[in-house]
């Protein structure tokens, strides 16, 4: 099963790289605008189809995220010459000090992820809400470590350091800080030019610049919710329930109210981090456990992930035994 999935994974990404070569060629031959978009639409459709060839919660989920969501949004920007396909925030001249902090930081998070995975052995003794909290932390640590590994590979091959995609979200002091500066910055950077800024320009012309951010923020969170629903569908082929979309709509409403309150107070009555930090993180975790995480259990995505871990563990155990047997045989 795992071998077949890896073969499908390789085929999918070969198709992606071939498609991107085609897109680069179209970018040189076809002028920007609707005409270029027409030539890129077949690739957009292909990117929506390719994740359906994968069933692994990890390989399929990450592929859907990068291709069906980020890849297609990037193609829409590329069609109108709003940025090349390969843009990515880069830090110049990475220092050994920053690399040292990078290593320690991710070693600690790797250990915490390992502890969470180990705790699943006792899942029948853990309260359901604690299990949901563990799932939330699992998702965060897994995504950050996976993206950090990708950044390390880029640094090794090209000598540049990519900007981290997470900026210690547990240190957030507000929802604006969490969603705009700390959580999954890759999504924030792609949603800003594709959804927020066009909606802001349209809203400014209709209702004025003062209130234009309100529909712009809400539109961005609605689109984010819909795209998360799509990724969940790719993961388990289960029809969406809408809870994930409501999670993002609720956060969009709360973020809009927070921005309005900050403007009304004009810097007065600012609460210290010791108050705003726990409130923000608690609010995100609480609403996530209420609306976001249940989709994992309802679609039995957690069961699929555990089965995949067991299969990987059995494969590693078998490989180690073969290596040890080979060593002892030649002693």
Protein backbone atom coordinates (compact mmCIF):
# COMPACT_ATOMS: atom_id res chain seq x y z
CA UNK A 1 0.00 0.00 0.00
CA UNK A 2 2.70 2.47 1.00
CA UNK A 3 4.80 1.53 -2.04
CA UNK A 4 1.88 2.10 -4.40
CA UNK A 5 1.18 5.45 -2.75
CA UNK A 6 4.80 6.53 -3.17
CA UNK A 7 4.66 5.61 -6.87
CA UNK A 8 1.50 7.69 -7.26
CA UNK A 9 3.10 10.53 -5.33
CA UNK A 10 6.13 10.57 -7.65
CA UNK A 11 3.91 10.47 -10.76
CA UNK A 12 1.78 13.34 -9.45
CA UNK A 13 4.77 15.57 -8.80
CA UNK A 14 6.36 14.71 -12.15
CA UNK A 15 3.13 15.91 -13.73
CA UNK A 16 3.32 19.08 -11.60
CA UNK A 17 6.88 19.91 -12.68
CA UNK A 18 6.02 19.22 -16.33
CA UNK A 19 2.98 21.48 -16.03
CA UNK A 20 5.03 24.28 -14.49
CA UNK A 21 7.46 24.09 -17.43
CA UNK A 22 4.49 24.56 -19.74
CA UNK A 23 3.32 27.54 -17.66
CA UNK A 24 6.74 29.19 -17.86
CA UNK A 25 6.70 28.75 -21.64
CA UNK A 26 3.22 30.28 -21.88
CA UNK A 27 4.42 33.20 -19.75
CA UNK A 28 7.04 34.02 -22.38
CA UNK A 29 4.82 33.52 -25.42
CA UNK A 30 1.39 34.77 -24.30
CA UNK A 31 0.79 38.33 -23.01
CA UNK A 32 -0.58 38.77 -19.52
CA UNK A 33 -4.29 39.02 -18.94
CA UNK A 34 -7.35 36.94 -19.86
CA UNK A 35 -5.59 35.38 -22.87
CA UNK A 36 -2.78 33.95 -20.73
CA UNK A 37 -5.36 32.81 -18.19
CA UNK A 38 -7.15 30.79 -20.88
CA UNK A 39 -3.90 28.95 -21.68
CA UNK A 40 -3.31 28.27 -17.96
CA UNK A 41 -6.84 27.08 -17.13
CA UNK A 42 -6.12 23.46 -18.23
CA UNK A 43 -3.28 23.38 -15.68
CA UNK A 44 -5.58 24.81 -13.00
CA UNK A 45 -8.02 21.96 -13.72
CA UNK A 46 -5.19 19.43 -13.69
CA UNK A 47 -3.97 20.71 -10.32
CA UNK A 48 -7.50 20.23 -8.96
CA UNK A 49 -7.53 16.66 -10.27
CA UNK A 50 -4.04 15.42 -9.34
CA UNK A 51 -4.57 15.18 -5.54
CA UNK A 52 -7.43 12.73 -6.19
CA UNK A 53 -4.75 10.17 -7.12
CA UNK A 54 -3.44 10.11 -3.55
CA UNK A 55 -5.03 8.66 -0.41
CA UNK A 56 -2.26 9.12 2.15
CA UNK A 57 -3.28 11.62 4.89
CA UNK A 58 0.22 13.10 4.82
CA UNK A 59 1.34 12.87 1.19
CA UNK A 60 -2.15 13.57 -0.14
CA UNK A 61 -2.88 16.40 2.27
CA UNK A 62 0.37 18.24 1.63
CA UNK A 63 0.04 17.73 -2.13
CA UNK A 64 -3.51 19.11 -2.11
CA UNK A 65 -2.37 22.11 -0.07
CA UNK A 66 0.56 22.96 -2.34
CA UNK A 67 -1.06 22.17 -5.70
CA UNK A 68 -4.84 22.64 -5.54
CA UNK A 69 -4.62 25.70 -3.27
CA UNK A 70 -1.29 27.54 -3.34
CA UNK A 71 -0.30 26.37 -6.83
CA UNK A 72 -3.58 27.40 -8.45
CA UNK A 73 -3.66 30.75 -6.66
CA UNK A 74 -0.11 31.35 -7.84
CA UNK A 75 -1.15 30.50 -11.41
CA UNK A 76 -3.96 33.08 -11.23
CA UNK A 77 -1.46 35.74 -10.17
CA UNK A 78 0.98 34.62 -12.87
CA UNK A 79 -1.74 34.92 -15.53
CA UNK A 80 -2.02 38.64 -14.82
CA UNK A 81 1.72 39.12 -14.27
CA UNK A 82 1.34 39.69 -10.52
CA UNK A 83 4.42 37.66 -9.71
CA UNK A 84 6.56 34.77 -11.00
CA UNK A 85 5.76 31.17 -10.12
CA UNK A 86 8.89 30.67 -8.04
CA UNK A 87 8.76 33.60 -5.63
CA UNK A 88 9.45 32.83 -2.00
CA UNK A 89 10.62 35.01 0.90
CA UNK A 90 14.39 34.62 1.28
CA UNK A 91 16.81 35.66 3.97
CA UNK A 92 20.18 36.70 2.64
CA UNK A 93 23.46 35.54 4.21
CA UNK A 94 22.13 33.16 6.87
CA UNK A 95 24.35 33.33 9.96
CA UNK A 96 25.64 30.37 11.93
CA UNK A 97 23.94 31.84 15.00
CA UNK A 98 20.52 31.78 13.32
CA UNK A 99 21.15 28.25 12.07
CA UNK A 100 22.03 27.19 15.61
CA UNK A 101 18.76 28.60 16.94
CA UNK A 102 16.98 26.91 14.04
CA UNK A 103 18.41 23.52 15.00
CA UNK A 104 17.65 23.75 18.73
CA UNK A 105 14.15 25.10 18.06
CA UNK A 106 13.18 22.25 15.76
CA UNK A 107 14.84 19.55 17.83
CA UNK A 108 12.62 20.60 20.74
CA UNK A 109 9.53 20.65 18.55
CA UNK A 110 10.47 17.27 17.08
CA UNK A 111 10.70 15.83 20.59
CA UNK A 112 7.31 17.32 21.50
CA UNK A 113 5.81 15.79 18.36
CA UNK A 114 7.32 12.42 19.28
CA UNK A 115 5.78 12.67 22.76
CA UNK A 116 2.38 13.44 21.23
CA UNK A 117 2.66 10.43 18.91
CA UNK A 118 3.66 8.23 21.85
CA UNK A 119 0.69 9.47 23.91
CA UNK A 120 -1.68 8.08 21.27
CA UNK A 121 -0.86 4.61 22.63
CA UNK A 122 -3.03 5.53 25.63
CA UNK A 123 -5.76 7.28 23.68
CA UNK A 124 -8.56 5.21 25.25
CA UNK A 125 -7.69 6.70 28.65
CA UNK A 126 -7.57 10.33 27.50
CA UNK A 127 -10.52 12.74 27.61
CA UNK A 128 -11.92 13.49 24.10
CA UNK A 129 -11.21 17.23 24.42
CA UNK A 130 -7.60 16.53 25.42
CA UNK A 131 -7.30 14.28 22.36
CA UNK A 132 -8.53 17.16 20.18
CA UNK A 133 -5.95 19.43 21.80
CA UNK A 134 -3.24 16.87 21.03
CA UNK A 135 -4.45 16.74 17.41
CA UNK A 136 -4.20 20.54 17.17
CA UNK A 137 -0.64 20.52 18.51
CA UNK A 138 0.18 17.55 16.26
CA UNK A 139 -0.93 19.49 13.16
CA UNK A 140 1.11 22.54 14.15
CA UNK A 141 4.33 20.68 14.96
CA UNK A 142 4.04 18.44 11.89
CA UNK A 143 3.51 21.36 9.49
CA UNK A 144 6.27 23.46 10.98
CA UNK A 145 8.81 20.61 11.03
CA UNK A 146 7.91 19.49 7.49
CA UNK A 147 8.27 23.01 6.09
CA UNK A 148 11.50 23.49 8.07
CA UNK A 149 12.93 20.32 6.48
CA UNK A 150 12.03 21.72 3.06
CA UNK A 151 13.74 25.01 3.93
CA UNK A 152 16.84 23.13 5.12
CA UNK A 153 17.04 21.26 1.80
CA UNK A 154 16.82 24.54 -0.12
CA UNK A 155 19.54 26.02 2.09
CA UNK A 156 21.80 22.98 1.49
CA UNK A 157 21.36 22.98 -2.29
CA UNK A 158 21.15 26.72 -3.05
CA UNK A 159 22.86 28.40 -0.08
CA UNK A 160 19.88 30.62 0.75
CA UNK A 161 17.64 30.59 3.79
CA UNK A 162 13.89 30.73 3.31
CA UNK A 163 11.79 32.77 5.66
CA UNK A 164 10.10 30.51 8.26
CA UNK A 165 6.44 29.82 7.55
CA UNK A 166 5.53 29.92 11.24
CA UNK A 167 6.67 32.63 13.60
CA UNK A 168 6.07 31.11 17.04
CA UNK A 169 2.24 31.44 16.93
CA UNK A 170 1.99 30.59 20.63
CA UNK A 171 3.49 34.06 21.30
CA UNK A 172 0.62 35.85 19.51
CA UNK A 173 -0.83 38.87 21.29
CA UNK A 174 -3.95 39.28 19.14
CA UNK A 175 -5.86 37.63 16.30
CA UNK A 176 -4.37 40.20 13.92
CA UNK A 177 -0.91 39.20 15.12
CA UNK A 178 -1.71 35.48 14.89
CA UNK A 179 -3.22 35.39 11.38
CA UNK A 180 -1.15 38.17 9.81
CA UNK A 181 2.32 37.68 11.25
CA UNK A 182 2.68 34.28 12.89
CA UNK A 183 0.49 31.47 11.50
CA UNK A 184 1.27 29.88 8.11
CA UNK A 185 2.78 32.95 6.50
CA UNK A 186 2.85 31.19 3.13
CA UNK A 187 -0.96 31.25 3.01
CA UNK A 188 -1.09 34.85 4.26
CA UNK A 189 1.29 35.96 1.50
CA UNK A 190 -0.79 34.29 -1.24
CA UNK A 191 -4.21 35.33 0.09
CA UNK A 192 -3.26 38.99 0.33
CA UNK A 193 -2.80 39.65 -3.43
CA UNK A 194 -5.40 37.13 -4.64
CA UNK A 195 -8.34 37.93 -2.32
CA UNK A 196 -7.75 40.72 0.19
CA UNK A 197 -6.29 43.43 -2.07
CA UNK A 198 -8.75 43.02 -5.01
CA UNK A 199 -11.69 43.02 -2.56
CA UNK A 200 -10.24 46.07 -0.81
CA UNK A 201 -10.02 48.02 -4.07
CA UNK A 202 -13.59 47.08 -5.04
CA UNK A 203 -14.97 47.81 -1.58
CA UNK A 204 -13.19 51.17 -1.41
CA UNK A 205 -14.94 52.25 -4.60
CA UNK A 206 -18.35 51.09 -3.32
CA UNK A 207 -18.45 51.89 0.41
CA UNK A 208 -15.35 54.03 0.93
CA UNK A 209 -11.84 53.37 2.25
CA UNK A 210 -12.84 53.58 5.94
CA UNK A 211 -15.07 50.49 5.91
CA UNK A 212 -13.49 48.65 2.97
CA UNK A 213 -11.27 46.42 5.18
CA UNK A 214 -14.38 44.80 6.72
CA UNK A 215 -15.60 42.89 3.61
CA UNK A 216 -11.98 42.38 2.55
CA UNK A 217 -11.05 40.56 5.76
CA UNK A 218 -14.28 38.56 5.76
CA UNK A 219 -13.85 37.58 2.10
CA UNK A 220 -10.31 36.41 2.76
CA UNK A 221 -11.42 34.19 5.64
CA UNK A 222 -14.38 32.81 3.68
CA UNK A 223 -12.10 31.80 0.80
CA UNK A 224 -9.63 30.29 3.26
CA UNK A 225 -12.45 28.27 4.82
CA UNK A 226 -13.63 26.98 1.43
CA UNK A 227 -10.10 25.97 0.45
CA UNK A 228 -9.65 24.14 3.76
CA UNK A 229 -12.89 22.28 3.07
CA UNK A 230 -11.49 21.29 -0.32
CA UNK A 231 -8.27 19.98 1.25
CA UNK A 232 -10.32 17.95 3.75
CA UNK A 233 -12.27 16.46 0.84
CA UNK A 234 -9.04 15.38 -0.83
CA UNK A 235 -7.89 13.80 2.43
CA UNK A 236 -10.82 11.41 2.98
CA UNK A 237 -13.30 12.00 0.09
CA UNK A 238 -15.97 12.99 2.62
CA UNK A 239 -18.46 15.72 1.75
CA UNK A 240 -17.85 18.96 3.71
CA UNK A 241 -20.03 19.77 6.72
CA UNK A 242 -19.29 23.51 6.75
CA UNK A 243 -17.80 23.57 10.25
CA UNK A 244 -14.32 24.36 8.96
CA UNK A 245 -15.67 27.24 6.86
CA UNK A 246 -17.58 28.56 9.89
CA UNK A 247 -14.37 28.40 11.92
CA UNK A 248 -12.73 30.82 9.50
CA UNK A 249 -15.84 33.01 9.13
CA UNK A 250 -16.05 33.29 12.92
CA UNK A 251 -12.39 34.26 13.13
CA UNK A 252 -12.84 36.75 10.29
CA UNK A 253 -15.72 38.41 12.19
CA UNK A 254 -13.74 38.46 15.44
CA UNK A 255 -10.65 39.84 13.69
CA UNK A 256 -12.73 42.59 12.09
CA UNK A 257 -14.18 43.52 15.50
CA UNK A 258 -10.69 43.49 17.00
CA UNK A 259 -9.37 45.85 14.32
CA UNK A 260 -12.35 48.17 14.82
CA UNK A 261 -11.86 48.17 18.58
CA UNK A 262 -8.18 49.02 18.21
CA UNK A 263 -9.03 51.96 15.95
CA UNK A 264 -11.70 53.18 18.34
CA UNK A 265 -9.36 53.07 21.32
CA UNK A 266 -6.46 54.62 19.33
CA UNK A 267 -3.78 52.97 21.44
CA UNK A 268 -5.49 53.66 24.77
CA UNK A 269 -6.04 50.99 27.42
CA UNK A 270 -3.52 48.53 25.98
CA UNK A 271 -3.43 45.26 27.88
CA UNK A 272 -0.06 43.58 28.64
CA UNK A 273 1.08 40.46 26.79
CA UNK A 274 0.59 38.36 29.91
CA UNK A 275 -3.15 38.95 29.41
CA UNK A 276 -3.57 39.18 25.63
CA UNK A 277 -1.22 36.26 24.86
CA UNK A 278 -3.09 33.51 26.78
CA UNK A 279 -6.44 34.98 25.67
CA UNK A 280 -5.45 34.84 21.99
CA UNK A 281 -3.92 31.36 22.08
CA UNK A 282 -6.77 30.05 24.22
CA UNK A 283 -9.34 31.52 21.82
CA UNK A 284 -7.67 29.97 18.76
CA UNK A 285 -7.30 26.55 20.42
CA UNK A 286 -10.81 26.65 21.87
CA UNK A 287 -12.53 27.52 18.60
CA UNK A 288 -10.28 25.05 16.76
CA UNK A 289 -11.28 22.21 19.09
CA UNK A 290 -14.92 23.26 18.71
CA UNK A 291 -15.14 23.70 14.91
CA UNK A 292 -11.93 22.65 13.14
CA UNK A 293 -10.56 19.48 14.75
CA UNK A 294 -13.88 17.52 14.78
CA UNK A 295 -13.57 17.21 11.00
CA UNK A 296 -10.49 15.04 11.55
CA UNK A 297 -12.34 12.59 13.77
CA UNK A 298 -15.62 12.64 11.82
CA UNK A 299 -13.86 11.73 8.58
CA UNK A 300 -11.65 9.23 10.47
CA UNK A 301 -8.59 11.05 9.22
CA UNK A 302 -6.91 10.34 12.53
CA UNK A 303 -7.46 6.58 12.02
CA UNK A 304 -5.91 6.78 8.56
CA UNK A 305 -2.92 8.67 9.94
CA UNK A 306 -2.38 6.09 12.71
CA UNK A 307 -2.54 3.26 10.16
CA UNK A 308 0.05 5.06 8.07
CA UNK A 309 2.34 5.50 11.08
CA UNK A 310 1.99 1.79 11.86
CA UNK A 311 2.84 0.87 8.27
CA UNK A 312 5.90 3.13 8.26
CA UNK A 313 6.98 1.71 11.63
CA UNK A 314 6.64 -1.85 10.38
CA UNK A 315 8.62 -0.98 7.23
CA UNK A 316 11.42 0.63 9.26
CA UNK A 317 11.50 -2.34 11.64
CA UNK A 318 11.73 -4.79 8.75
CA UNK A 319 14.50 -2.76 7.10
CA UNK A 320 16.50 -2.59 10.35
CA UNK A 321 16.16 -6.33 10.88
CA UNK A 322 17.41 -7.01 7.35
CA UNK A 323 20.42 -4.73 7.88
CA UNK A 324 21.27 -6.33 11.24
CA UNK A 325 20.88 -9.84 9.82
CA UNK A 326 23.16 -8.90 6.94
CA UNK A 327 25.78 -7.53 9.36
CA UNK A 328 25.69 -10.59 11.64
CA UNK A 329 25.81 -12.92 8.65
CA UNK A 330 29.13 -11.38 7.51
CA UNK A 331 30.74 -11.29 10.97
